[in-house]
Every structure is written in structure tokens, then in C-alpha cells.
């Protein structure tokens, strides 16, 4: 996941940004949470969940600051 580019996009816009593509691990969730204040309000993941690389329940806990 290209978090730096996502942050640059969020900083350039006046609307909230939802990150999409490349989400593969809980570490990606943690990194996005660290830059949430830059205007990133969420993320989309699919393949990583289907392939078993990302546990959705655990990702929700991390996003909520519980993990």
C-alpha cells in the first residue's frame, strides 16, 4: 500500500479520502491509522480478506485502537 501517495492526495483535497488497493496486513491498517488526521477516513480491502492474509475482525480492532 502506498501510504505516502495516499497522504499527499488527502492533503491536496478538501474531501475525505478512502484508501483503496494494496491493503495486505494489519501493519497496513496501523500505518493508515497513524495518518488518519491527514484526511484519510477509511480503507477498502477485499482480496487480502478472501485470501486469508488479513483477518477482518482483527483489522477492525486495530482500527478502533484495540489491537
PDB file of N, CA and C in Angstrom:
ATOM      1  N   UNK A   1       0.846  -1.161   0.000  1.00  0.00           N
ATOM      2  CA  UNK A   1       0.000   0.000   0.000  1.00  0.00           C
ATOM      3  C   UNK A   1       0.899   1.233   0.000  1.00  0.00           C
ATOM      4  N   UNK A   2       0.600   2.166  -0.866  1.00  0.00           N
ATOM      5  CA  UNK A   2       1.393   3.383  -0.976  1.00  0.00           C
ATOM      6  C   UNK A   2       0.777   4.467  -0.085  1.00  0.00           C
ATOM      7  N   UNK A   3       1.132   4.416   1.174  1.00  0.00           N
ATOM      8  CA  UNK A   3       0.547   5.327   2.148  1.00  0.00           C
ATOM      9  C   UNK A   3       0.994   6.763   1.895  1.00  0.00           C
ATOM     10  N   UNK A   4       2.235   6.958   1.504  1.00  0.00           N
ATOM     11  CA  UNK A   4       2.734   8.313   1.266  1.00  0.00           C
ATOM     12  C   UNK A   4       1.931   9.006   0.172  1.00  0.00           C
ATOM     13  N   UNK A   5       1.654   8.312  -0.907  1.00  0.00           N
ATOM     14  CA  UNK A   5       0.878   8.896  -2.005  1.00  0.00           C
ATOM     15  C   UNK A   5      -0.556   9.165  -1.570  1.00  0.00           C
ATOM     16  N   UNK A   6      -1.105   8.291  -0.740  1.00  0.00           N
ATOM     17  CA  UNK A   6      -2.459   8.480  -0.247  1.00  0.00           C
ATOM     18  C   UNK A   6      -2.531   9.725   0.635  1.00  0.00           C
ATOM     19  N   UNK A   7      -1.532   9.919   1.465  1.00  0.00           N
ATOM     20  CA  UNK A   7      -1.479  11.115   2.313  1.00  0.00           C
ATOM     21  C   UNK A   7      -1.372  12.366   1.449  1.00  0.00           C
ATOM     22  N   UNK A   8      -0.514  12.339   0.440  1.00  0.00           N
ATOM     23  CA  UNK A   8      -0.374  13.505  -0.444  1.00  0.00           C
ATOM     24  C   UNK A   8      -1.703  13.838  -1.122  1.00  0.00           C
ATOM     25  N   UNK A   9      -2.412  12.823  -1.562  1.00  0.00           N
ATOM     26  CA  UNK A   9      -3.710  13.034  -2.174  1.00  0.00           C
ATOM     27  C   UNK A   9      -4.682  13.660  -1.178  1.00  0.00           C
ATOM     28  N   UNK A  10      -4.736  13.103   0.022  1.00  0.00           N
ATOM     29  CA  UNK A  10      -5.641  13.623   1.050  1.00  0.00           C
ATOM     30  C   UNK A  10      -5.316  15.065   1.395  1.00  0.00           C
ATOM     31  N   UNK A  11      -4.045  15.409   1.426  1.00  0.00           N
ATOM     32  CA  UNK A  11      -3.635  16.768   1.743  1.00  0.00           C
ATOM     33  C   UNK A  11      -4.010  17.741   0.626  1.00  0.00           C
ATOM     34  N   UNK A  12      -4.066  17.251  -0.600  1.00  0.00           N
ATOM     35  CA  UNK A  12      -4.363  18.107  -1.744  1.00  0.00           C
ATOM     36  C   UNK A  12      -5.862  18.331  -1.942  1.00  0.00           C
ATOM     37  N   UNK A  13      -6.685  17.534  -1.313  1.00  0.00           N
ATOM     38  CA  UNK A  13      -8.130  17.605  -1.496  1.00  0.00           C
ATOM     39  C   UNK A  13      -8.821  18.206  -0.285  1.00  0.00           C
ATOM     40  N   UNK A  14     -10.048  18.626  -0.485  1.00  0.00           N
ATOM     41  CA  UNK A  14     -10.846  19.131   0.635  1.00  0.00           C
ATOM     42  C   UNK A  14     -11.937  18.141   1.036  1.00  0.00           C
ATOM     43  N   UNK A  15     -11.947  16.988   0.395  1.00  0.00           N
ATOM     44  CA  UNK A  15     -12.912  15.945   0.737  1.00  0.00           C
ATOM     45  C   UNK A  15     -12.167  14.777   1.384  1.00  0.00           C
ATOM     46  N   UNK A  16     -12.832  14.014   2.228  1.00  0.00           N
ATOM     47  CA  UNK A  16     -12.176  12.858   2.846  1.00  0.00           C
ATOM     48  C   UNK A  16     -11.743  11.837   1.798  1.00  0.00           C
ATOM     49  N   UNK A  17     -10.657  11.127   2.082  1.00  0.00           N
ATOM     50  CA  UNK A  17     -10.107  10.124   1.179  1.00  0.00           C
ATOM     51  C   UNK A  17     -10.280   8.743   1.798  1.00  0.00           C
ATOM     52  N   UNK A  18     -10.703   7.802   0.975  1.00  0.00           N
ATOM     53  CA  UNK A  18     -10.778   6.397   1.378  1.00  0.00           C
ATOM     54  C   UNK A  18      -9.696   5.661   0.593  1.00  0.00           C
ATOM     55  N   UNK A  19      -8.733   5.113   1.311  1.00  0.00           N
ATOM     56  CA  UNK A  19      -7.622   4.399   0.678  1.00  0.00           C
ATOM     57  C   UNK A  19      -8.138   3.093   0.082  1.00  0.00           C
ATOM     58  N   UNK A  20      -7.601   2.734  -1.070  1.00  0.00           N
ATOM     59  CA  UNK A  20      -8.030   1.515  -1.734  1.00  0.00           C
ATOM     60  C   UNK A  20      -6.862   0.906  -2.504  1.00  0.00           C
ATOM     61  N   UNK A  21      -6.744  -0.385  -2.404  1.00  0.00           N
ATOM     62  CA  UNK A  21      -5.722  -1.101  -3.154  1.00  0.00           C
ATOM     63  C   UNK A  21      -4.454  -1.315  -2.361  1.00  0.00           C
ATOM     64  N   UNK A  22      -4.017  -2.535  -2.298  1.00  0.00           N
ATOM     65  CA  UNK A  22      -2.747  -2.852  -1.667  1.00  0.00           C
ATOM     66  C   UNK A  22      -2.802  -3.147  -0.183  1.00  0.00           C
ATOM     67  N   UNK A  23      -3.967  -3.149   0.401  1.00  0.00           N
ATOM     68  CA  UNK A  23      -4.098  -3.450   1.827  1.00  0.00           C
ATOM     69  C   UNK A  23      -3.869  -4.946   2.017  1.00  0.00           C
ATOM     70  N   UNK A  24      -2.785  -5.314   2.704  1.00  0.00           N
ATOM     71  CA  UNK A  24      -2.469  -6.737   2.821  1.00  0.00           C
ATOM     72  C   UNK A  24      -2.207  -7.224   4.231  1.00  0.00           C
ATOM     73  N   UNK A  25      -2.129  -6.309   5.202  1.00  0.00           N
ATOM     74  CA  UNK A  25      -1.763  -6.773   6.539  1.00  0.00           C
ATOM     75  C   UNK A  25      -2.287  -5.827   7.612  1.00  0.00           C
ATOM     76  N   UNK A  26      -2.209  -6.293   8.846  1.00  0.00           N
ATOM     77  CA  UNK A  26      -2.583  -5.439   9.969  1.00  0.00           C
ATOM     78  C   UNK A  26      -1.640  -4.253  10.083  1.00  0.00           C
ATOM     79  N   UNK A  27      -0.411  -4.416   9.638  1.00  0.00           N
ATOM     80  CA  UNK A  27       0.543  -3.309   9.653  1.00  0.00           C
ATOM     81  C   UNK A  27       0.071  -2.191   8.732  1.00  0.00           C
ATOM     82  N   UNK A  28      -0.527  -2.531   7.603  1.00  0.00           N
ATOM     83  CA  UNK A  28      -1.093  -1.505   6.718  1.00  0.00           C
ATOM     84  C   UNK A  28      -2.206  -0.738   7.431  1.00  0.00           C
ATOM     85  N   UNK A  29      -3.031  -1.444   8.182  1.00  0.00           N
ATOM     86  CA  UNK A  29      -4.107  -0.797   8.938  1.00  0.00           C
ATOM     87  C   UNK A  29      -3.499   0.161   9.962  1.00  0.00           C
ATOM     88  N   UNK A  30      -2.491  -0.296  10.683  1.00  0.00           N
ATOM     89  CA  UNK A  30      -1.828   0.550  11.685  1.00  0.00           C
ATOM     90  C   UNK A  30      -1.235   1.808  11.050  1.00  0.00           C
ATOM     91  N   UNK A  31      -0.567   1.633   9.907  1.00  0.00           N
ATOM     92  CA  UNK A  31       0.058   2.774   9.231  1.00  0.00           C
ATOM     93  C   UNK A  31      -0.986   3.786   8.774  1.00  0.00           C
ATOM     94  N   UNK A  32      -2.112   3.307   8.266  1.00  0.00           N
ATOM     95  CA  UNK A  32      -3.173   4.227   7.858  1.00  0.00           C
ATOM     96  C   UNK A  32      -3.755   4.961   9.054  1.00  0.00           C
ATOM     97  N   UNK A  33      -3.910   4.273  10.158  1.00  0.00           N
ATOM     98  CA  UNK A  33      -4.434   4.916  11.365  1.00  0.00           C
ATOM     99  C   UNK A  33      -3.502   6.035  11.839  1.00  0.00           C
ATOM    100  N   UNK A  34      -2.213   5.862  11.644  1.00  0.00           N
ATOM    101  CA  UNK A  34      -1.238   6.878  12.049  1.00  0.00           C
ATOM    102  C   UNK A  34      -1.394   8.171  11.253  1.00  0.00           C
ATOM    103  N   UNK A  35      -1.922   8.095  10.040  1.00  0.00           N
ATOM    104  CA  UNK A  35      -2.060   9.285   9.192  1.00  0.00           C
ATOM    105  C   UNK A  35      -3.526   9.689   8.999  1.00  0.00           C
ATOM    106  N   UNK A  36      -4.395   9.158   9.812  1.00  0.00           N
ATOM    107  CA  UNK A  36      -5.825   9.465   9.714  1.00  0.00           C
ATOM    108  C   UNK A  36      -6.090  10.965   9.780  1.00  0.00           C
ATOM    109  N   UNK A  37      -5.327  11.667  10.577  1.00  0.00           N
ATOM    110  CA  UNK A  37      -5.535  13.105  10.746  1.00  0.00           C
ATOM    111  C   UNK A  37      -5.235  13.904   9.478  1.00  0.00           C
ATOM    112  N   UNK A  38      -4.629  13.272   8.488  1.00  0.00           N
ATOM    113  CA  UNK A  38      -4.316  13.942   7.221  1.00  0.00           C
ATOM    114  C   UNK A  38      -5.511  13.975   6.273  1.00  0.00           C
ATOM    115  N   UNK A  39      -6.625  13.372   6.685  1.00  0.00           N
ATOM    116  CA  UNK A  39      -7.827  13.390   5.852  1.00  0.00           C
ATOM    117  C   UNK A  39      -8.228  12.046   5.301  1.00  0.00           C
ATOM    118  N   UNK A  40      -7.587  10.988   5.787  1.00  0.00           N
ATOM    119  CA  UNK A  40      -7.925   9.634   5.347  1.00  0.00           C
ATOM    120  C   UNK A  40      -8.959   9.077   6.313  1.00  0.00           C
ATOM    121  N   UNK A  41     -10.153   8.781   5.788  1.00  0.00           N
ATOM    122  CA  UNK A  41     -11.251   8.390   6.667  1.00  0.00           C
ATOM    123  C   UNK A  41     -11.573   6.905   6.645  1.00  0.00           C
ATOM    124  N   UNK A  42     -10.936   6.158   5.775  1.00  0.00           N
ATOM    125  CA  UNK A  42     -11.229   4.743   5.721  1.00  0.00           C
ATOM    126  C   UNK A  42     -10.383   4.044   4.680  1.00  0.00           C
ATOM    127  N   UNK A  43     -10.629   2.756   4.526  1.00  0.00           N
ATOM    128  CA  UNK A  43      -9.919   1.991   3.509  1.00  0.00           C
ATOM    129  C   UNK A  43     -10.818   0.879   3.003  1.00  0.00           C
ATOM    130  N   UNK A  44     -10.489   0.428   1.829  1.00  0.00           N
ATOM    131  CA  UNK A  44     -11.218  -0.677   1.206  1.00  0.00           C
ATOM    132  C   UNK A  44     -10.254  -1.846   1.079  1.00  0.00           C
ATOM    133  N   UNK A  45     -10.721  -2.997   1.486  1.00  0.00           N
ATOM    134  CA  UNK A  45      -9.925  -4.204   1.305  1.00  0.00           C
ATOM    135  C   UNK A  45     -10.855  -5.321   0.865  1.00  0.00           C
ATOM    136  N   UNK A  46     -10.346  -6.235   0.172  1.00  0.00           N
ATOM    137  CA  UNK A  46     -11.150  -7.356  -0.300  1.00  0.00           C
ATOM    138  C   UNK A  46     -10.311  -8.594  -0.480  1.00  0.00           C
ATOM    139  N   UNK A  47      -9.414  -8.516  -1.429  1.00  0.00           N
ATOM    140  CA  UNK A  47      -8.607  -9.684  -1.777  1.00  0.00           C
ATOM    141  C   UNK A  47      -7.838 -10.242  -0.581  1.00  0.00           C
ATOM    142  N   UNK A  48      -7.248  -9.368   0.224  1.00  0.00           N
ATOM    143  CA  UNK A  48      -6.466  -9.831   1.370  1.00  0.00           C
ATOM    144  C   UNK A  48      -7.335 -10.629   2.340  1.00  0.00           C
ATOM    145  N   UNK A  49      -8.585 -10.236   2.476  1.00  0.00           N
ATOM    146  CA  UNK A  49      -9.507 -10.978   3.351  1.00  0.00           C
ATOM    147  C   UNK A  49      -9.842 -12.326   2.717  1.00  0.00           C
ATOM    148  N   UNK A  50     -10.187 -12.303   1.431  1.00  0.00           N
ATOM    149  CA  UNK A  50     -10.550 -13.545   0.746  1.00  0.00           C
ATOM    150  C   UNK A  50      -9.405 -14.539   0.724  1.00  0.00           C
ATOM    151  N   UNK A  51      -8.187 -14.041   0.603  1.00  0.00           N
ATOM    152  CA  UNK A  51      -7.014 -14.921   0.546  1.00  0.00           C
ATOM    153  C   UNK A  51      -6.502 -15.302   1.926  1.00  0.00           C
ATOM    154  N   UNK A  52      -7.113 -14.783   2.977  1.00  0.00           N
ATOM    155  CA  UNK A  52      -6.713 -15.129   4.334  1.00  0.00           C
ATOM    156  C   UNK A  52      -5.482 -14.389   4.837  1.00  0.00           C
ATOM    157  N   UNK A  53      -5.067 -13.338   4.154  1.00  0.00           N
ATOM    158  CA  UNK A  53      -3.897 -12.566   4.572  1.00  0.00           C
ATOM    159  C   UNK A  53      -4.246 -11.536   5.641  1.00  0.00           C
ATOM    160  N   UNK A  54      -5.500 -11.147   5.694  1.00  0.00           N
ATOM    161  CA  UNK A  54      -5.944 -10.116   6.628  1.00  0.00           C
ATOM    162  C   UNK A  54      -7.193 -10.598   7.344  1.00  0.00           C
ATOM    163  N   UNK A  55      -7.135 -10.647   8.658  1.00  0.00           N
ATOM    164  CA  UNK A  55      -8.279 -11.032   9.477  1.00  0.00           C
ATOM    165  C   UNK A  55      -9.134  -9.783   9.696  1.00  0.00           C
ATOM    166  N   UNK A  56     -10.342  -9.787   9.147  1.00  0.00           N
ATOM    167  CA  UNK A  56     -11.197  -8.604   9.192  1.00  0.00           C
ATOM    168  C   UNK A  56     -11.528  -8.187  10.629  1.00  0.00           C
ATOM    169  N   UNK A  57     -11.869  -9.130  11.480  1.00  0.00           N
ATOM    170  CA  UNK A  57     -12.213  -8.813  12.869  1.00  0.00           C
ATOM    171  C   UNK A  57     -11.029  -8.170  13.586  1.00  0.00           C
ATOM    172  N   UNK A  58      -9.849  -8.684  13.372  1.00  0.00           N
ATOM    173  CA  UNK A  58      -8.649  -8.123  13.994  1.00  0.00           C
ATOM    174  C   UNK A  58      -8.355  -6.738  13.409  1.00  0.00           C
ATOM    175  N   UNK A  59      -8.548  -6.574  12.109  1.00  0.00           N
ATOM    176  CA  UNK A  59      -8.324  -5.272  11.481  1.00  0.00           C
ATOM    177  C   UNK A  59      -9.266  -4.217  12.070  1.00  0.00           C
ATOM    178  N   UNK A  60     -10.513  -4.586  12.330  1.00  0.00           N
ATOM    179  CA  UNK A  60     -11.443  -3.646  12.963  1.00  0.00           C
ATOM    180  C   UNK A  60     -10.961  -3.251  14.355  1.00  0.00           C
ATOM    181  N   UNK A  61     -10.428  -4.209  15.104  1.00  0.00           N
ATOM    182  CA  UNK A  61      -9.912  -3.904  16.436  1.00  0.00           C
ATOM    183  C   UNK A  61      -8.725  -2.947  16.363  1.00  0.00           C
ATOM    184  N   UNK A  62      -7.825  -3.201  15.414  1.00  0.00           N
ATOM    185  CA  UNK A  62      -6.665  -2.320  15.238  1.00  0.00           C
ATOM    186  C   UNK A  62      -7.131  -0.910  14.882  1.00  0.00           C
ATOM    187  N   UNK A  63      -8.090  -0.820  13.959  1.00  0.00           N
ATOM    188  CA  UNK A  63      -8.606   0.491  13.533  1.00  0.00           C
ATOM    189  C   UNK A  63      -9.288   1.237  14.684  1.00  0.00           C
ATOM    190  N   UNK A  64      -9.856   0.483  15.609  1.00  0.00           N
ATOM    191  CA  UNK A  64     -10.531   1.083  16.760  1.00  0.00           C
ATOM    192  C   UNK A  64      -9.564   1.373  17.908  1.00  0.00           C
ATOM    193  N   UNK A  65      -8.280   1.050  17.694  1.00  0.00           N
ATOM    194  CA  UNK A  65      -7.279   1.296  18.732  1.00  0.00           C
ATOM    195  C   UNK A  65      -7.209   0.227  19.789  1.00  0.00           C
ATOM    196  N   UNK A  66      -7.749  -0.939  19.491  1.00  0.00           N
ATOM    197  CA  UNK A  66      -7.807  -2.036  20.458  1.00  0.00           C
ATOM    198  C   UNK A  66      -6.797  -3.132  20.170  1.00  0.00           C
ATOM    199  N   UNK A  67      -5.982  -2.960  19.162  1.00  0.00           N
ATOM    200  CA  UNK A  67      -5.111  -4.082  18.827  1.00  0.00           C
ATOM    201  C   UNK A  67      -3.775  -3.737  18.408  1.00  0.00           C
TER     202      UNK A  67
END
